[in-house]
Protein backbone atom coordinates (compact mmCIF):
# COMPACT_ATOMS: atom_id res chain seq x y z
CA MET A 1 -14.21 33.70 16.41
CA PRO A 2 -14.04 31.07 13.63
CA PRO A 3 -17.32 30.17 11.99
CA ILE A 4 -18.86 26.92 13.17
CA SER A 5 -19.74 24.66 10.28
CA PRO A 6 -22.97 22.69 10.50
CA PRO A 7 -22.55 18.95 11.07
CA GLU A 8 -22.30 16.95 7.87
CA ARG A 9 -25.17 14.69 6.97
CA PRO A 10 -24.26 11.01 6.55
CA GLU A 11 -25.51 11.06 2.94
CA GLN A 12 -23.21 13.96 2.10
CA ARG A 13 -20.21 12.26 3.70
CA ARG A 14 -20.93 8.99 1.87
CA GLY A 15 -21.16 10.91 -1.40
CA GLN A 16 -17.78 12.47 -0.74
CA GLN A 17 -16.26 9.08 0.06
CA LEU A 18 -17.68 7.55 -3.13
CA LEU A 19 -16.36 10.48 -5.15
CA PHE A 20 -12.92 9.95 -3.61
CA VAL A 21 -13.04 6.24 -4.54
CA ALA A 22 -14.02 7.11 -8.12
CA VAL A 23 -11.16 9.59 -8.48
CA LEU A 24 -8.70 7.15 -6.87
CA PHE A 25 -9.55 4.41 -9.34
CA ALA A 26 -9.55 6.81 -12.27
CA VAL A 27 -5.96 7.58 -11.31
CA LEU A 28 -5.04 3.91 -10.73
CA LEU A 29 -6.44 2.89 -14.11
CA ASN A 30 -4.78 5.73 -16.02
CA PHE A 31 -1.63 5.73 -18.16
CA PRO A 32 1.24 6.10 -15.69
CA PHE A 33 0.14 3.20 -13.50
CA LEU A 34 -0.86 1.00 -16.41
CA ALA A 35 2.53 1.60 -18.05
CA VAL A 36 4.30 0.30 -14.95
CA PHE A 37 2.57 -3.07 -15.32
CA ASP A 38 2.70 -3.26 -19.13
CA HIS A 39 5.56 -5.69 -19.70
CA GLU A 40 6.04 -9.30 -20.73
CA GLY A 41 6.03 -10.70 -17.18
CA ARG A 42 3.46 -13.23 -16.03
CA VAL A 43 2.15 -14.29 -12.63
CA GLY A 44 0.69 -17.77 -12.62
CA GLY A 45 0.48 -17.64 -16.41
CA ILE A 46 -1.57 -14.43 -16.36
CA PRO A 47 -0.04 -11.26 -17.87
CA VAL A 48 0.83 -8.73 -15.16
CA LEU A 49 -1.21 -5.94 -16.78
CA TYR A 50 -4.37 -8.08 -16.88
CA LEU A 51 -3.85 -9.13 -13.27
CA TYR A 52 -3.37 -5.50 -12.17
CA VAL A 53 -6.54 -4.34 -13.94
CA LEU A 54 -8.54 -7.28 -12.57
CA LEU A 55 -7.35 -6.69 -8.99
CA ALA A 56 -7.93 -2.91 -9.22
CA TRP A 57 -11.44 -3.46 -10.58
CA GLY A 58 -12.21 -6.04 -7.88
CA LEU A 59 -10.97 -3.66 -5.20
CA LEU A 60 -13.19 -0.92 -6.66
CA VAL A 61 -16.24 -3.18 -6.46
CA LEU A 62 -15.47 -4.32 -2.90
CA LEU A 63 -14.70 -0.82 -1.60
CA THR A 64 -17.79 0.70 -3.22
CA GLY A 65 -20.01 -2.08 -1.87
CA TRP A 66 -18.55 -1.70 1.60
CA LEU A 67 -19.11 2.06 1.62
CA VAL A 68 -22.70 1.75 0.40
CA ARG A 69 -23.63 -1.03 2.85
CA ARG A 70 -21.97 0.76 5.75
CA GLY A 71 -24.12 3.81 5.02
CA GLU A 72 -27.36 1.81 5.05
CA ARG A 73 -27.04 0.80 8.69
């Protein structure tokens, strides 16, 4: 008979989700992905690398805020 694991507490699950988000963005803001966007191209006059970093950072803030607020309810 397989062991039955105790149900996860919401705080533990939220901590795991936030850890996953941190690791995801550490990977997205690391060398291989930054090198893909590091070229002379521009979008709306903004260098592609700057736009990528700004959008990734904004997504990090939104996703983290959403996870934290969702856990408060």
